[in-house]
C-alpha atoms as a PDB file:
ATOM      1  CA  MET A   1       6.667  32.975 -42.156  1.00  0.00           C
ATOM      2  CA  LEU A   2       3.345  34.779 -42.804  1.00  0.00           C
ATOM      3  CA  THR A   3       0.445  32.887 -42.065  1.00  0.00           C
ATOM      4  CA  HIS A   4      -3.096  34.309 -42.694  1.00  0.00           C
ATOM      5  CA  LEU A   5      -6.588  32.959 -43.720  1.00  0.00           C
ATOM      6  CA  ASN A   6      -7.850  33.237 -47.149  1.00  0.00           C
ATOM      7  CA  ALA A   7     -11.389  34.579 -47.665  1.00  0.00           C
ATOM      8  CA  ARG A   8     -12.925  30.921 -47.625  1.00  0.00           C
ATOM      9  CA  GLN A   9     -11.288  30.014 -44.499  1.00  0.00           C
ATOM     10  CA  GLU A  10     -12.090  33.423 -42.855  1.00  0.00           C
ATOM     11  CA  LYS A  11     -15.945  33.157 -43.783  1.00  0.00           C
ATOM     12  CA  ALA A  12     -16.024  29.491 -42.476  1.00  0.00           C
ATOM     13  CA  LYS A  13     -14.363  30.778 -39.194  1.00  0.00           C
ATOM     14  CA  LEU A  14     -16.625  33.527 -38.606  1.00  0.00           C
ATOM     15  CA  ALA A  15     -19.772  31.212 -38.977  1.00  0.00           C
ATOM     16  CA  GLU A  16     -18.488  28.976 -36.422  1.00  0.00           C
ATOM     17  CA  PRO A  17     -19.476  29.416 -32.762  1.00  0.00           C
ATOM     18  CA  MET A  18     -16.410  30.139 -30.721  1.00  0.00           C
ATOM     19  CA  LYS A  19     -15.372  27.635 -28.211  1.00  0.00           C
ATOM     20  CA  THR A  20     -13.523  29.117 -25.119  1.00  0.00           C
ATOM     21  CA  GLY A  21     -11.356  27.666 -22.319  1.00  0.00           C
ATOM     22  CA  ILE A  22      -7.879  27.515 -20.856  1.00  0.00           C
ATOM     23  CA  VAL A  23      -5.074  25.745 -22.750  1.00  0.00           C
ATOM     24  CA  SER A  24      -3.022  23.426 -20.515  1.00  0.00           C
ATOM     25  CA  PRO A  25       0.043  25.328 -19.334  1.00  0.00           C
ATOM     26  CA  HIS A  26       2.069  22.093 -20.355  1.00  0.00           C
ATOM     27  CA  VAL A  27       0.565  22.251 -23.949  1.00  0.00           C
ATOM     28  CA  ALA A  28       1.201  25.777 -24.039  1.00  0.00           C
ATOM     29  CA  ALA A  29       4.886  25.352 -22.818  1.00  0.00           C
ATOM     30  CA  ALA A  30       5.809  22.888 -25.579  1.00  0.00           C
ATOM     31  CA  MET A  31       4.792  25.323 -28.360  1.00  0.00           C
ATOM     32  CA  SER A  32       6.834  28.199 -29.786  1.00  0.00           C
ATOM     33  CA  GLY A  33       4.884  31.480 -29.487  1.00  0.00           C
ATOM     34  CA  LEU A  34       4.202  31.713 -33.143  1.00  0.00           C
ATOM     35  CA  ASP A  35       2.876  28.148 -33.242  1.00  0.00           C
ATOM     36  CA  PHE A  36       0.834  28.641 -30.156  1.00  0.00           C
ATOM     37  CA  LEU A  37      -0.986  31.963 -31.924  1.00  0.00           C
ATOM     38  CA  VAL A  38      -1.596  30.225 -35.248  1.00  0.00           C
ATOM     39  CA  ALA A  39      -3.218  27.274 -33.514  1.00  0.00           C
ATOM     40  CA  LEU A  40      -5.424  29.659 -31.666  1.00  0.00           C
ATOM     41  CA  ARG A  41      -6.591  31.288 -34.650  1.00  0.00           C
ATOM     42  CA  ASP A  42      -7.077  28.186 -36.734  1.00  0.00           C
ATOM     43  CA  GLY A  43      -8.941  26.752 -33.891  1.00  0.00           C
ATOM     44  CA  ALA A  44      -6.741  23.798 -32.942  1.00  0.00           C
ATOM     45  CA  LEU A  45      -6.603  25.477 -29.668  1.00  0.00           C
ATOM     46  CA  ILE A  46      -9.445  26.510 -27.551  1.00  0.00           C
ATOM     47  CA  ALA A  47      -9.566  30.505 -27.496  1.00  0.00           C
ATOM     48  CA  PRO A  48      -9.407  32.389 -24.242  1.00  0.00           C
ATOM     49  CA  PRO A  49     -12.571  33.189 -22.467  1.00  0.00           C
ATOM     50  CA  PHE A  50     -12.065  36.988 -23.021  1.00  0.00           C
ATOM     51  CA  SER A  51     -11.936  36.306 -26.963  1.00  0.00           C
ATOM     52  CA  HIS A  52     -15.508  35.454 -26.711  1.00  0.00           C
ATOM     53  CA  ALA A  53     -16.418  38.189 -24.428  1.00  0.00           C
ATOM     54  CA  THR A  54     -14.613  41.037 -26.396  1.00  0.00           C
ATOM     55  CA  GLY A  55     -15.202  39.578 -29.973  1.00  0.00           C
ATOM     56  CA  ILE A  56     -11.401  40.007 -30.557  1.00  0.00           C
ATOM     57  CA  ARG A  57      -9.764  37.503 -32.999  1.00  0.00           C
ATOM     58  CA  PRO A  58      -6.240  37.090 -34.590  1.00  0.00           C
ATOM     59  CA  LYS A  59      -6.136  37.307 -38.446  1.00  0.00           C
ATOM     60  CA  ASP A  60      -2.513  37.610 -39.609  1.00  0.00           C
ATOM     61  CA  ILE A  61       0.258  36.279 -37.927  1.00  0.00           C
ATOM     62  CA  GLU A  62       4.126  36.237 -38.415  1.00  0.00           C
ATOM     63  CA  VAL A  63       7.149  36.754 -36.178  1.00  0.00           C
ATOM     64  CA  GLY A  64       7.332  40.002 -34.780  1.00  0.00           C
ATOM     65  CA  ARG A  65       3.987  41.131 -36.311  1.00  0.00           C
ATOM     66  CA  ILE A  66       0.237  40.202 -35.728  1.00  0.00           C
ATOM     67  CA  VAL A  67      -2.996  41.602 -36.924  1.00  0.00           C
ATOM     68  CA  PHE A  68      -6.360  41.486 -34.661  1.00  0.00           C
ATOM     69  CA  GLU A  69      -9.826  42.239 -35.704  1.00  0.00           C
ATOM     70  CA  GLY A  70     -12.858  43.107 -33.346  1.00  0.00           C
ATOM     71  CA  THR A  71     -16.310  44.561 -33.868  1.00  0.00           C
ATOM     72  CA  PRO A  72     -17.323  46.515 -30.665  1.00  0.00           C
ATOM     73  CA  THR A  73     -21.075  45.868 -29.630  1.00  0.00           C
ATOM     74  CA  GLU A  74     -23.339  48.241 -27.484  1.00  0.00           C
ATOM     75  CA  GLN A  75     -22.230  46.247 -24.579  1.00  0.00           C
ATOM     76  CA  PHE A  76     -19.129  48.208 -24.494  1.00  0.00           C
ATOM     77  CA  TYR A  77     -20.574  51.569 -24.644  1.00  0.00           C
ATOM     78  CA  ASN A  78     -19.679  54.068 -21.989  1.00  0.00           C
ATOM     79  CA  PRO A  79     -22.135  56.594 -20.511  1.00  0.00           C
ATOM     80  CA  MET A  80     -21.214  59.073 -23.316  1.00  0.00           C
ATOM     81  CA  GLY A  81     -22.469  56.755 -26.067  1.00  0.00           C
ATOM     82  CA  THR A  82     -19.182  55.835 -27.405  1.00  0.00           C
ATOM     83  CA  VAL A  83     -17.198  52.485 -27.072  1.00  0.00           C
ATOM     84  CA  HIS A  84     -15.323  52.459 -23.965  1.00  0.00           C
ATOM     85  CA  GLY A  85     -11.502  53.053 -24.258  1.00  0.00           C
ATOM     86  CA  GLY A  86     -10.973  50.071 -22.123  1.00  0.00           C
ATOM     87  CA  TRP A  87     -12.345  47.985 -24.933  1.00  0.00           C
ATOM     88  CA  ILE A  88     -10.024  49.670 -27.525  1.00  0.00           C
ATOM     89  CA  ALA A  89      -6.962  49.558 -24.996  1.00  0.00           C
ATOM     90  CA  THR A  90      -7.679  45.695 -24.836  1.00  0.00           C
ATOM     91  CA  LEU A  91      -7.463  45.342 -28.553  1.00  0.00           C
ATOM     92  CA  LEU A  92      -4.224  47.113 -28.313  1.00  0.00           C
ATOM     93  CA  ASP A  93      -2.639  45.235 -25.532  1.00  0.00           C
ATOM     94  CA  THR A  94      -3.760  42.077 -26.954  1.00  0.00           C
ATOM     95  CA  ALA A  95      -1.930  42.852 -30.553  1.00  0.00           C
ATOM     96  CA  MET A  96       1.068  44.400 -28.876  1.00  0.00           C
ATOM     97  CA  ALA A  97       1.673  41.451 -26.388  1.00  0.00           C
ATOM     98  CA  CYS A  98       0.841  38.850 -29.049  1.00  0.00           C
ATOM     99  CA  ALA A  99       3.338  40.513 -31.535  1.00  0.00           C
ATOM    100  CA  ILE A 100       6.139  39.812 -28.704  1.00  0.00           C
ATOM    101  CA  GLN A 101       4.486  36.192 -28.119  1.00  0.00           C
ATOM    102  CA  SER A 102       5.277  35.450 -31.693  1.00  0.00           C
ATOM    103  CA  THR A 103       8.875  36.011 -31.103  1.00  0.00           C
ATOM    104  CA  LEU A 104       8.988  33.472 -27.995  1.00  0.00           C
ATOM    105  CA  PRO A 105      10.659  29.796 -28.306  1.00  0.00           C
ATOM    106  CA  ALA A 106       8.849  26.916 -26.623  1.00  0.00           C
ATOM    107  CA  GLY A 107       9.064  27.279 -22.996  1.00  0.00           C
ATOM    108  CA  GLN A 108       9.099  31.138 -22.641  1.00  0.00           C
ATOM    109  CA  SER A 109       6.244  33.268 -21.631  1.00  0.00           C
ATOM    110  CA  TYR A 110       5.617  37.027 -20.997  1.00  0.00           C
ATOM    111  CA  THR A 111       3.740  39.555 -19.109  1.00  0.00           C
ATOM    112  CA  THR A 112       2.793  43.065 -19.680  1.00  0.00           C
ATOM    113  CA  LEU A 113       4.815  45.543 -17.744  1.00  0.00           C
ATOM    114  CA  GLU A 114       3.610  48.670 -19.171  1.00  0.00           C
ATOM    115  CA  LEU A 115       0.787  49.976 -21.483  1.00  0.00           C
ATOM    116  CA  LYS A 116       0.503  53.271 -23.018  1.00  0.00           C
ATOM    117  CA  THR A 117      -2.666  54.086 -25.187  1.00  0.00           C
ATOM    118  CA  ASN A 118      -3.533  57.394 -27.096  1.00  0.00           C
ATOM    119  CA  PHE A 119      -7.022  57.548 -28.363  1.00  0.00           C
ATOM    120  CA  VAL A 120      -7.327  59.963 -31.445  1.00  0.00           C
ATOM    121  CA  ARG A 121     -11.040  59.168 -32.653  1.00  0.00           C
ATOM    122  CA  PRO A 122     -14.264  58.079 -31.240  1.00  0.00           C
ATOM    123  CA  VAL A 123     -15.623  54.566 -31.848  1.00  0.00           C
ATOM    124  CA  PHE A 124     -19.132  53.839 -32.052  1.00  0.00           C
ATOM    125  CA  VAL A 125     -20.791  50.633 -33.105  1.00  0.00           C
ATOM    126  CA  SER A 126     -21.475  51.860 -36.574  1.00  0.00           C
ATOM    127  CA  THR A 127     -17.776  52.320 -36.963  1.00  0.00           C
ATOM    128  CA  GLY A 128     -17.960  48.637 -37.654  1.00  0.00           C
ATOM    129  CA  VAL A 129     -14.843  46.203 -37.549  1.00  0.00           C
ATOM    130  CA  LEU A 130     -11.591  47.630 -36.061  1.00  0.00           C
ATOM    131  CA  ARG A 131      -8.375  46.261 -37.161  1.00  0.00           C
ATOM    132  CA  CYS A 132      -5.208  46.548 -35.041  1.00  0.00           C
ATOM    133  CA  GLU A 133      -1.667  45.675 -36.098  1.00  0.00           C
ATOM    134  CA  GLY A 134       1.123  44.987 -33.549  1.00  0.00           C
ATOM    135  CA  ILE A 135       4.774  45.125 -34.190  1.00  0.00           C
ATOM    136  CA  VAL A 136       7.793  44.472 -32.100  1.00  0.00           C
ATOM    137  CA  LEU A 137      10.106  47.332 -31.659  1.00  0.00           C
ATOM    138  CA  SER A 138      12.689  45.676 -29.573  1.00  0.00           C
ATOM    139  CA  ARG A 139      13.272  42.279 -28.234  1.00  0.00           C
ATOM    140  CA  GLY A 140      15.883  41.604 -25.458  1.00  0.00           C
ATOM    141  CA  GLY A 141      16.487  38.691 -23.177  1.00  0.00           C
ATOM    142  CA  ARG A 142      14.225  39.857 -20.604  1.00  0.00           C
ATOM    143  CA  ILE A 143      12.406  42.807 -21.793  1.00  0.00           C
ATOM    144  CA  ALA A 144      10.528  43.376 -25.137  1.00  0.00           C
ATOM    145  CA  SER A 145       8.618  46.430 -26.514  1.00  0.00           C
ATOM    146  CA  SER A 146       6.020  46.821 -29.142  1.00  0.00           C
ATOM    147  CA  GLU A 147       3.683  49.289 -30.762  1.00  0.00           C
ATOM    148  CA  GLY A 148       0.424  49.130 -31.959  1.00  0.00           C
ATOM    149  CA  LYS A 149      -2.047  50.933 -34.254  1.00  0.00           C
ATOM    150  CA  VAL A 150      -5.872  50.622 -34.381  1.00  0.00           C
ATOM    151  CA  PHE A 151      -7.710  51.580 -37.728  1.00  0.00           C
ATOM    152  CA  ASP A 152     -11.275  51.920 -38.546  1.00  0.00           C
ATOM    153  CA  LYS A 153     -12.674  50.117 -41.919  1.00  0.00           C
ATOM    154  CA  GLU A 154     -11.927  53.297 -44.012  1.00  0.00           C
ATOM    155  CA  GLY A 155      -8.244  53.231 -42.805  1.00  0.00           C
ATOM    156  CA  ASN A 156      -8.423  56.247 -40.203  1.00  0.00           C
ATOM    157  CA  LEU A 157      -6.290  55.975 -37.003  1.00  0.00           C
ATOM    158  CA  VAL A 158      -8.673  55.195 -34.092  1.00  0.00           C
ATOM    159  CA  ALA A 159      -5.899  54.718 -31.482  1.00  0.00           C
ATOM    160  CA  HIS A 160      -2.063  53.862 -31.153  1.00  0.00           C
ATOM    161  CA  GLY A 161      -0.092  52.679 -28.341  1.00  0.00           C
ATOM    162  CA  THR A 162       3.231  51.128 -26.946  1.00  0.00           C
ATOM    163  CA  GLU A 163       3.896  48.277 -24.640  1.00  0.00           C
ATOM    164  CA  THR A 164       6.608  46.748 -22.526  1.00  0.00           C
ATOM    165  CA  CYS A 165       6.669  43.355 -21.531  1.00  0.00           C
ATOM    166  CA  LEU A 166       8.873  41.076 -19.373  1.00  0.00           C
ATOM    167  CA  VAL A 167       9.980  37.788 -20.997  1.00  0.00           C
ATOM    168  CA  MET A 168      10.046  34.830 -18.619  1.00  0.00           C
ATOM    169  CA  GLY A 169      12.026  31.520 -18.745  1.00  0.00           C
ATOM    170  CA  GLN A 170       9.025  29.264 -18.176  1.00  0.00           C
ATOM    171  CA  ARG A 171       5.336  29.754 -19.607  1.00  0.00           C
ATOM    172  CA  ASN A 172       2.503  29.481 -16.784  1.00  0.00           C
ATOM    173  CA  GLY A 173       5.114  28.055 -14.350  1.00  0.00           C
ATOM    174  CA  ALA A 174       5.284  24.724 -16.552  1.00  0.00           C
ATOM    175  CA  SER A 175       8.190  22.772 -17.577  1.00  0.00           C
ATOM    176  CA  ALA A 176       9.224  23.312 -21.212  1.00  0.00           C
ATOM    177  CA  LYS A 177       9.879  19.369 -21.061  1.00  0.00           C
ATOM    178  CA  ALA A 178       6.317  18.642 -21.219  1.00  0.00           C
END
């Protein structure tokens, strides 16, 4: 099942101020990973505070694949006058981990075990919107791996990476029966 916003919905979403906070563990545990991510994207659930701080937002979501977009600002510049690699790594980590999350049934959670990032092109504020696609490579009972690629608006590869996550039985320690 592919879920994405049409152009009208996307424009309306970007015009809205982002509301942030923490979703109750009981609410999160009652939803599949895919349903949770779609609800976050569509505004049915409150976005985590880091989404506001980084400007990273989910766009297209399906089982095993997700696309996030973000536009870095000067607040993320390093002393060399480029966007800090940590912002780009955050974009990759978010997409790769959420691709894995999209495969989880209700009651399961995950945490990142390892993140590998390769930077291949500098990013500036003038680079504009970056698009990151995360795809699940392998999904076992306890271990899942994914890959991600970040592209600029011209389609140039900016960075790529891989991630390994531990899949856990209960999300945030909450009972799946909530």
